Each structure stands twice: as structure tokens, then as C-alpha cells.
Protein backbone atom coordinates (compact mmCIF):
# COMPACT_ATOMS: atom_id res chain seq x y z
CA MET A 1 14.05 -10.81 -12.81
CA ILE A 2 10.85 -10.58 -10.86
CA ASN A 3 7.29 -10.84 -12.11
CA VAL A 4 5.87 -7.30 -12.32
CA LYS A 5 2.25 -8.44 -12.16
CA LEU A 6 2.86 -10.66 -9.13
CA VAL A 7 4.74 -7.99 -7.18
CA THR A 8 2.19 -5.30 -8.10
CA TRP A 9 -0.78 -7.37 -6.94
CA SER A 10 1.06 -8.53 -3.81
CA ALA A 11 1.92 -4.99 -2.77
CA GLY A 12 -1.62 -3.77 -3.48
CA ILE A 13 -3.17 -6.52 -1.39
CA PHE A 14 -0.59 -6.00 1.36
CA THR A 15 -1.39 -2.29 1.67
CA ALA A 16 -5.14 -2.95 1.59
CA ILE A 17 -4.80 -5.48 4.42
CA SER A 18 -2.59 -3.05 6.34
CA TYR A 19 -5.28 -0.38 5.95
CA LEU A 20 -7.93 -2.76 7.25
CA LEU A 21 -5.77 -3.59 10.27
CA CYS A 22 -5.18 0.13 10.99
CA VAL A 23 -8.92 0.83 10.87
CA LEU A 24 -9.70 -2.17 13.06
CA TYR A 25 -7.01 -1.06 15.52
CA GLY A 26 -8.53 2.42 15.53
CA LEU A 27 -11.97 1.03 16.31
CA ILE A 28 -10.83 -1.04 19.31
CA THR A 29 -8.37 1.37 20.95
CA PRO A 30 -8.82 4.79 22.53
CA GLU A 31 -8.80 7.69 20.09
CA ALA A 32 -5.57 9.11 21.46
CA ILE A 33 -3.52 6.15 20.19
CA HIS A 34 -5.04 5.13 16.88
CA MET A 35 -4.01 5.89 13.32
CA HIS A 36 -6.75 8.25 12.08
CA GLN A 37 -4.45 11.28 11.79
CA PHE A 38 -1.89 9.31 9.78
CA LEU A 39 -4.57 7.87 7.49
CA GLU A 40 -6.09 11.29 6.96
CA THR A 41 -2.65 12.64 6.05
CA VAL A 42 -1.59 9.98 3.53
CA LEU A 43 -4.97 9.22 1.94
CA PRO A 44 -6.50 12.18 0.10
CA ALA A 45 -10.18 12.87 0.97
CA PHE A 46 -10.18 10.27 3.76
CA SER A 47 -11.83 11.27 7.02
CA TRP A 48 -12.48 9.13 10.09
CA LEU A 49 -14.87 7.18 9.62
CA SER A 50 -17.91 6.81 7.42
CA LEU A 51 -18.73 4.00 5.00
CA GLY A 52 -17.84 6.09 1.95
CA SER A 53 -14.60 7.25 3.50
CA PHE A 54 -13.74 3.70 4.57
CA LEU A 55 -14.22 2.38 1.01
CA LEU A 56 -12.29 5.31 -0.46
CA GLY A 57 -9.42 4.65 1.96
CA LEU A 58 -9.41 0.97 1.03
CA ILE A 59 -9.23 1.78 -2.69
CA GLU A 60 -6.55 4.44 -2.17
CA SER A 61 -4.48 2.08 -0.02
CA PHE A 62 -4.67 -0.62 -2.66
CA LEU A 63 -3.66 1.86 -5.36
CA TRP A 64 -0.67 3.08 -3.31
CA GLY A 65 0.45 -0.53 -3.07
CA VAL A 66 -0.01 -1.02 -6.81
CA TYR A 67 2.07 2.08 -7.47
CA ILE A 68 4.83 0.96 -5.12
CA GLY A 69 4.85 -2.65 -6.36
CA PHE A 70 4.84 -1.69 -10.03
CA THR A 71 7.50 0.99 -9.67
CA PHE A 72 9.75 -1.19 -7.53
CA SER A 73 9.53 -4.21 -9.82
CA VAL A 74 10.17 -2.20 -12.99
CA ILE A 75 13.20 -0.48 -11.46
CA TYR A 76 14.46 -3.79 -10.06
CA ASN A 77 14.16 -5.50 -13.44
CA LEU A 78 15.95 -2.63 -15.19
CA LEU A 79 18.81 -2.73 -12.70
CA PHE A 80 18.92 -6.52 -12.84
CA ARG A 81 19.30 -6.42 -16.62
CA ARG A 82 22.13 -3.94 -16.22
CA TRP A 83 24.03 -5.43 -13.27
CA GLY A 84 22.33 -8.63 -12.11
CA TYR A 85 23.61 -11.28 -14.49
CA PRO A 86 26.79 -13.04 -13.41
CA LYS A 87 29.88 -12.26 -15.44
CA LYS A 88 31.15 -15.11 -17.62
């Protein structure tokens, strides 16, 4: 069994850091090769790049990670209870 709270927070922080790295990459590379189109597609109401949009994207990225971490850990724990224990 895995800790739902730990996995949820870890995934949320991971996606927030990934978002920050994508934005930083987009600021230091030419426009033709950065991630603004992808970010605008997967993050509702995000547009490249104002302070409000940046903060909204950071919050949305964190929440996507929370959703993924929570959902994954709950499903994992359910399946582990069903099939994960060794047979005696």
C-alpha cells in the first residue's frame, strides 16, 4: 500500500516544477521551439505570458498533479488489496 497523501503532494509538486521548467525554457529559447502551444492546450485559460496567466498555469499544473497522484494512489491501493498480498 502506498501513502495517498504523500503521492498526491509529490505529484502536485512534480507537475508544478515541470511547469516552471517549461516556462523558463520558453523564456530562454526562440519562440518556434518552446512549449507555449502545449501549455495553452492543456491548461484552461492559460495564455503566454502575463503574471496572472503564469500564476493560473502554476495552480492548474499543481492541481493536475494532485488529481493524477490521488487517482493513481487510490487505484493502486484498491488493486493492491485485491491482488497484492502474497498467497499463504
